[in-house]
């Protein structure tokens, strides 16, 4: 099939609920898929690309950038993906390999992983914002990022600016997130 030039790590799982309530199996699964899968996939891609170069796109999440009540496990794994990707880019540059590592951080996407949580009270934050993003639009943003000099990108960008504002004042931000979670609860109850 020729030289590998592009690789996308997009697999992910999500478990909702209070952070301390997850059984060991859920913790192991989400770490295995969301974090270890990204790391193993990236390593495999780099081995195949080598000095010929290429690009790796790791799909993280906007939740990598901010607290997400009810989705702490998911947010933690996606923060790990973002941190891994930016650090990986540094390692690639240090090694002189012409491989670009990129991380896409989309807001909620209208996938089965999200829609299957419509009645899950722990997943209220998924339903607290605007309408979920279209999968094709997110894929196009990923392709654009792969050709970009930018290492990571939030989609949509305005939501990235909003969550960065929450991080600037964590106490106030958690209060705002509490309001958003109640809005998600309300929307789930109405659905």
C-alpha atoms as a PDB file:
ATOM      1  CA  UNK A   1       0.000   0.000   0.000  1.00  0.00           C
ATOM      2  CA  UNK A   2       3.003   2.286   0.007  1.00  0.00           C
ATOM      3  CA  UNK A   3       4.622   4.483   2.622  1.00  0.00           C
ATOM      4  CA  UNK A   4       2.496   5.410   5.655  1.00  0.00           C
ATOM      5  CA  UNK A   5       2.159   9.210   5.734  1.00  0.00           C
ATOM      6  CA  UNK A   6      -0.936   9.842   7.877  1.00  0.00           C
ATOM      7  CA  UNK A   7      -2.245   8.209  11.055  1.00  0.00           C
ATOM      8  CA  UNK A   8      -5.316   9.065  13.129  1.00  0.00           C
ATOM      9  CA  UNK A   9      -5.887   7.840  16.682  1.00  0.00           C
ATOM     10  CA  UNK A  10      -9.621   8.340  17.162  1.00  0.00           C
ATOM     11  CA  UNK A  11     -10.783   5.455  19.345  1.00  0.00           C
ATOM     12  CA  UNK A  12     -12.337   6.493  22.635  1.00  0.00           C
ATOM     13  CA  UNK A  13     -14.707   5.415  25.360  1.00  0.00           C
ATOM     14  CA  UNK A  14     -16.653   7.457  27.876  1.00  0.00           C
ATOM     15  CA  UNK A  15     -17.987   6.581  31.327  1.00  0.00           C
ATOM     16  CA  UNK A  16     -20.122   9.125  33.152  1.00  0.00           C
ATOM     17  CA  UNK A  17     -20.805   9.631  36.833  1.00  0.00           C
ATOM     18  CA  UNK A  18     -19.182  11.023  39.931  1.00  0.00           C
ATOM     19  CA  UNK A  19     -15.409  10.580  39.804  1.00  0.00           C
ATOM     20  CA  UNK A  20     -15.193   8.296  42.828  1.00  0.00           C
ATOM     21  CA  UNK A  21     -17.951   5.894  41.746  1.00  0.00           C
ATOM     22  CA  UNK A  22     -16.282   4.149  38.803  1.00  0.00           C
ATOM     23  CA  UNK A  23     -15.380   0.489  39.250  1.00  0.00           C
ATOM     24  CA  UNK A  24     -11.822  -0.626  38.530  1.00  0.00           C
ATOM     25  CA  UNK A  25     -12.915  -2.180  35.228  1.00  0.00           C
ATOM     26  CA  UNK A  26     -14.137   1.172  33.875  1.00  0.00           C
ATOM     27  CA  UNK A  27     -10.961   2.917  34.980  1.00  0.00           C
ATOM     28  CA  UNK A  28      -8.794   0.241  33.346  1.00  0.00           C
ATOM     29  CA  UNK A  29     -10.833   0.306  30.130  1.00  0.00           C
ATOM     30  CA  UNK A  30     -10.816   4.072  29.691  1.00  0.00           C
ATOM     31  CA  UNK A  31      -7.076   4.277  30.363  1.00  0.00           C
ATOM     32  CA  UNK A  32      -6.380   1.376  28.008  1.00  0.00           C
ATOM     33  CA  UNK A  33      -8.421   2.743  25.115  1.00  0.00           C
ATOM     34  CA  UNK A  34      -8.116   6.512  25.444  1.00  0.00           C
ATOM     35  CA  UNK A  35      -4.521   6.829  26.667  1.00  0.00           C
ATOM     36  CA  UNK A  36      -2.592   3.649  25.975  1.00  0.00           C
ATOM     37  CA  UNK A  37      -4.298   3.229  22.596  1.00  0.00           C
ATOM     38  CA  UNK A  38      -3.170   6.688  21.536  1.00  0.00           C
ATOM     39  CA  UNK A  39       0.370   6.086  22.748  1.00  0.00           C
ATOM     40  CA  UNK A  40       0.651   2.655  21.122  1.00  0.00           C
ATOM     41  CA  UNK A  41      -0.896   3.886  17.886  1.00  0.00           C
ATOM     42  CA  UNK A  42       1.461   6.854  17.743  1.00  0.00           C
ATOM     43  CA  UNK A  43       4.498   4.659  18.395  1.00  0.00           C
ATOM     44  CA  UNK A  44       3.420   2.234  15.657  1.00  0.00           C
ATOM     45  CA  UNK A  45       2.930   5.107  13.208  1.00  0.00           C
ATOM     46  CA  UNK A  46       6.319   6.648  13.993  1.00  0.00           C
ATOM     47  CA  UNK A  47       8.034   3.294  13.510  1.00  0.00           C
ATOM     48  CA  UNK A  48       6.425   2.948  10.070  1.00  0.00           C
ATOM     49  CA  UNK A  49       6.927   6.585   8.989  1.00  0.00           C
ATOM     50  CA  UNK A  50      10.510   6.913  10.156  1.00  0.00           C
ATOM     51  CA  UNK A  51      12.696   9.390   8.316  1.00  0.00           C
ATOM     52  CA  UNK A  52      10.220   9.549   5.416  1.00  0.00           C
ATOM     53  CA  UNK A  53       7.968  11.649   7.660  1.00  0.00           C
ATOM     54  CA  UNK A  54       4.266  12.086   8.035  1.00  0.00           C
ATOM     55  CA  UNK A  55       1.614  13.338  10.413  1.00  0.00           C
ATOM     56  CA  UNK A  56      -0.201  11.828  13.401  1.00  0.00           C
ATOM     57  CA  UNK A  57      -3.552  13.204  14.509  1.00  0.00           C
ATOM     58  CA  UNK A  58      -4.662  12.323  18.035  1.00  0.00           C
ATOM     59  CA  UNK A  59      -8.290  13.122  18.773  1.00  0.00           C
ATOM     60  CA  UNK A  60      -8.512  14.541  22.288  1.00  0.00           C
ATOM     61  CA  UNK A  61     -11.441  16.683  23.436  1.00  0.00           C
ATOM     62  CA  UNK A  62     -12.279  20.150  24.649  1.00  0.00           C
ATOM     63  CA  UNK A  63     -12.634  18.432  28.015  1.00  0.00           C
ATOM     64  CA  UNK A  64      -8.828  18.122  28.025  1.00  0.00           C
ATOM     65  CA  UNK A  65      -8.732  21.840  28.818  1.00  0.00           C
ATOM     66  CA  UNK A  66     -11.227  22.281  31.630  1.00  0.00           C
ATOM     67  CA  UNK A  67     -13.026  20.542  34.501  1.00  0.00           C
ATOM     68  CA  UNK A  68     -15.991  18.486  33.338  1.00  0.00           C
ATOM     69  CA  UNK A  69     -18.184  17.440  36.277  1.00  0.00           C
ATOM     70  CA  UNK A  70     -19.638  14.005  35.664  1.00  0.00           C
ATOM     71  CA  UNK A  71     -16.976  13.131  33.118  1.00  0.00           C
ATOM     72  CA  UNK A  72     -13.796  13.269  35.213  1.00  0.00           C
ATOM     73  CA  UNK A  73     -12.344  10.010  33.884  1.00  0.00           C
ATOM     74  CA  UNK A  74     -12.934  11.038  30.291  1.00  0.00           C
ATOM     75  CA  UNK A  75     -11.548  14.535  30.833  1.00  0.00           C
ATOM     76  CA  UNK A  76      -8.438  13.169  32.550  1.00  0.00           C
ATOM     77  CA  UNK A  77      -7.702  10.757  29.713  1.00  0.00           C
ATOM     78  CA  UNK A  78      -8.207  13.424  27.071  1.00  0.00           C
ATOM     79  CA  UNK A  79      -5.921  15.799  29.005  1.00  0.00           C
ATOM     80  CA  UNK A  80      -3.358  12.995  28.919  1.00  0.00           C
ATOM     81  CA  UNK A  81      -3.789  12.689  25.138  1.00  0.00           C
ATOM     82  CA  UNK A  82      -3.256  16.420  24.688  1.00  0.00           C
ATOM     83  CA  UNK A  83      -0.192  16.481  26.937  1.00  0.00           C
ATOM     84  CA  UNK A  84       1.222  13.363  25.300  1.00  0.00           C
ATOM     85  CA  UNK A  85       0.773  14.841  21.827  1.00  0.00           C
ATOM     86  CA  UNK A  86       2.481  18.141  22.584  1.00  0.00           C
ATOM     87  CA  UNK A  87       5.328  16.316  24.342  1.00  0.00           C
ATOM     88  CA  UNK A  88       5.563  13.826  21.470  1.00  0.00           C
ATOM     89  CA  UNK A  89       5.990  16.729  19.044  1.00  0.00           C
ATOM     90  CA  UNK A  90       8.927  17.925  21.123  1.00  0.00           C
ATOM     91  CA  UNK A  91      10.472  14.446  21.088  1.00  0.00           C
ATOM     92  CA  UNK A  92      10.042  14.194  17.314  1.00  0.00           C
ATOM     93  CA  UNK A  93      11.724  17.551  16.800  1.00  0.00           C
ATOM     94  CA  UNK A  94      14.568  16.601  19.135  1.00  0.00           C
ATOM     95  CA  UNK A  95      15.081  13.336  17.215  1.00  0.00           C
ATOM     96  CA  UNK A  96      15.084  15.214  13.905  1.00  0.00           C
ATOM     97  CA  UNK A  97      12.212  13.166  12.548  1.00  0.00           C
ATOM     98  CA  UNK A  98      10.002  14.954   9.990  1.00  0.00           C
ATOM     99  CA  UNK A  99       6.816  13.736  11.636  1.00  0.00           C
ATOM    100  CA  UNK A 100       4.160  16.134  12.918  1.00  0.00           C
ATOM    101  CA  UNK A 101       2.041  15.231  15.962  1.00  0.00           C
ATOM    102  CA  UNK A 102      -1.268  17.072  16.249  1.00  0.00           C
ATOM    103  CA  UNK A 103      -4.171  16.972  18.715  1.00  0.00           C
ATOM    104  CA  UNK A 104      -7.731  17.915  17.829  1.00  0.00           C
ATOM    105  CA  UNK A 105      -9.897  19.000  20.768  1.00  0.00           C
ATOM    106  CA  UNK A 106     -13.505  19.104  19.582  1.00  0.00           C
ATOM    107  CA  UNK A 107     -16.460  20.079  21.698  1.00  0.00           C
ATOM    108  CA  UNK A 108     -19.258  17.505  21.965  1.00  0.00           C
ATOM    109  CA  UNK A 109     -19.661  15.612  18.672  1.00  0.00           C
ATOM    110  CA  UNK A 110     -22.934  13.982  17.639  1.00  0.00           C
ATOM    111  CA  UNK A 111     -21.592  10.425  17.758  1.00  0.00           C
ATOM    112  CA  UNK A 112     -23.184   7.276  19.105  1.00  0.00           C
ATOM    113  CA  UNK A 113     -20.878   7.569  22.136  1.00  0.00           C
ATOM    114  CA  UNK A 114     -22.683  10.818  23.020  1.00  0.00           C
ATOM    115  CA  UNK A 115     -26.232  10.015  21.928  1.00  0.00           C
ATOM    116  CA  UNK A 116     -26.199   6.749  23.890  1.00  0.00           C
ATOM    117  CA  UNK A 117     -25.775   8.853  27.070  1.00  0.00           C
ATOM    118  CA  UNK A 118     -28.955  10.888  26.554  1.00  0.00           C
ATOM    119  CA  UNK A 119     -30.581   9.461  29.699  1.00  0.00           C
ATOM    120  CA  UNK A 120     -27.395   9.082  31.768  1.00  0.00           C
ATOM    121  CA  UNK A 121     -27.560  11.654  34.606  1.00  0.00           C
ATOM    122  CA  UNK A 122     -23.768  11.661  34.957  1.00  0.00           C
ATOM    123  CA  UNK A 123     -23.432  12.826  31.358  1.00  0.00           C
ATOM    124  CA  UNK A 124     -25.462  16.028  31.770  1.00  0.00           C
ATOM    125  CA  UNK A 125     -22.514  18.200  30.698  1.00  0.00           C
ATOM    126  CA  UNK A 126     -22.685  16.649  27.221  1.00  0.00           C
ATOM    127  CA  UNK A 127     -26.103  18.219  26.805  1.00  0.00           C
ATOM    128  CA  UNK A 128     -25.476  21.585  28.449  1.00  0.00           C
ATOM    129  CA  UNK A 129     -24.036  23.462  25.498  1.00  0.00           C
ATOM    130  CA  UNK A 130     -24.925  24.113  21.920  1.00  0.00           C
ATOM    131  CA  UNK A 131     -26.031  21.393  19.521  1.00  0.00           C
ATOM    132  CA  UNK A 132     -23.367  18.670  19.140  1.00  0.00           C
ATOM    133  CA  UNK A 133     -20.914  19.148  16.300  1.00  0.00           C
ATOM    134  CA  UNK A 134     -21.363  17.327  13.006  1.00  0.00           C
ATOM    135  CA  UNK A 135     -18.925  14.418  12.591  1.00  0.00           C
ATOM    136  CA  UNK A 136     -17.968  15.480   9.057  1.00  0.00           C
ATOM    137  CA  UNK A 137     -17.186  19.043  10.171  1.00  0.00           C
ATOM    138  CA  UNK A 138     -14.917  17.677  12.903  1.00  0.00           C
ATOM    139  CA  UNK A 139     -13.191  15.396  10.381  1.00  0.00           C
ATOM    140  CA  UNK A 140     -12.580  18.390   8.099  1.00  0.00           C
ATOM    141  CA  UNK A 141     -11.120  20.338  11.034  1.00  0.00           C
ATOM    142  CA  UNK A 142      -8.825  17.379  11.741  1.00  0.00           C
ATOM    143  CA  UNK A 143      -7.623  17.280   8.143  1.00  0.00           C
ATOM    144  CA  UNK A 144      -6.959  21.021   8.214  1.00  0.00           C
ATOM    145  CA  UNK A 145      -5.001  20.653  11.464  1.00  0.00           C
ATOM    146  CA  UNK A 146      -2.883  17.883   9.951  1.00  0.00           C
ATOM    147  CA  UNK A 147      -1.715  20.361   7.283  1.00  0.00           C
ATOM    148  CA  UNK A 148      -1.214  23.155   9.812  1.00  0.00           C
ATOM    149  CA  UNK A 149       1.790  24.311  11.824  1.00  0.00           C
ATOM    150  CA  UNK A 150      -0.499  24.441  14.869  1.00  0.00           C
ATOM    151  CA  UNK A 151       0.052  21.574  17.317  1.00  0.00           C
ATOM    152  CA  UNK A 152      -3.475  21.494  18.731  1.00  0.00           C
ATOM    153  CA  UNK A 153      -6.776  23.084  17.910  1.00  0.00           C
ATOM    154  CA  UNK A 154     -10.111  23.413  19.684  1.00  0.00           C
ATOM    155  CA  UNK A 155     -13.253  23.102  17.576  1.00  0.00           C
ATOM    156  CA  UNK A 156     -15.085  25.429  17.590  1.00  0.00           C
ATOM    157  CA  UNK A 157     -12.449  27.966  18.532  1.00  0.00           C
ATOM    158  CA  UNK A 158     -14.854  30.188  20.493  1.00  0.00           C
ATOM    159  CA  UNK A 159     -15.553  27.320  22.907  1.00  0.00           C
ATOM    160  CA  UNK A 160     -11.826  26.966  23.439  1.00  0.00           C
ATOM    161  CA  UNK A 161     -11.630  30.591  24.485  1.00  0.00           C
ATOM    162  CA  UNK A 162     -14.588  30.074  26.835  1.00  0.00           C
ATOM    163  CA  UNK A 163     -13.052  27.085  28.616  1.00  0.00           C
ATOM    164  CA  UNK A 164      -9.713  28.867  28.929  1.00  0.00           C
ATOM    165  CA  UNK A 165     -11.595  31.642  30.722  1.00  0.00           C
ATOM    166  CA  UNK A 166     -13.015  29.089  33.153  1.00  0.00           C
ATOM    167  CA  UNK A 167      -9.471  27.922  33.913  1.00  0.00           C
ATOM    168  CA  UNK A 168      -8.375  31.489  34.681  1.00  0.00           C
ATOM    169  CA  UNK A 169     -10.640  31.579  37.744  1.00  0.00           C
ATOM    170  CA  UNK A 170     -11.258  27.952  38.797  1.00  0.00           C
ATOM    171  CA  UNK A 171     -13.590  28.691  41.728  1.00  0.00           C
ATOM    172  CA  UNK A 172     -15.846  30.862  39.611  1.00  0.00           C
ATOM    173  CA  UNK A 173     -15.458  28.464  36.699  1.00  0.00           C
ATOM    174  CA  UNK A 174     -16.684  25.502  38.735  1.00  0.00           C
ATOM    175  CA  UNK A 175     -19.708  27.553  39.743  1.00  0.00           C
ATOM    176  CA  UNK A 176     -20.464  28.245  36.076  1.00  0.00           C
ATOM    177  CA  UNK A 177     -19.954  24.571  35.245  1.00  0.00           C
ATOM    178  CA  UNK A 178     -22.453  23.694  37.991  1.00  0.00           C
ATOM    179  CA  UNK A 179     -25.028  25.893  36.270  1.00  0.00           C
ATOM    180  CA  UNK A 180     -24.221  24.232  32.935  1.00  0.00           C
ATOM    181  CA  UNK A 181     -24.601  20.783  34.468  1.00  0.00           C
ATOM    182  CA  UNK A 182     -28.052  21.715  35.801  1.00  0.00           C
ATOM    183  CA  UNK A 183     -28.950  22.956  32.303  1.00  0.00           C
ATOM    184  CA  UNK A 184     -27.846  19.589  30.938  1.00  0.00           C
ATOM    185  CA  UNK A 185     -29.977  17.834  33.572  1.00  0.00           C
ATOM    186  CA  UNK A 186     -32.959  19.932  32.471  1.00  0.00           C
ATOM    187  CA  UNK A 187     -32.400  19.181  28.774  1.00  0.00           C
ATOM    188  CA  UNK A 188     -32.030  15.469  29.457  1.00  0.00           C
ATOM    189  CA  UNK A 189     -35.273  15.447  31.453  1.00  0.00           C
ATOM    190  CA  UNK A 190     -37.115  17.160  28.591  1.00  0.00           C
ATOM    191  CA  UNK A 191     -35.755  14.808  25.912  1.00  0.00           C
END
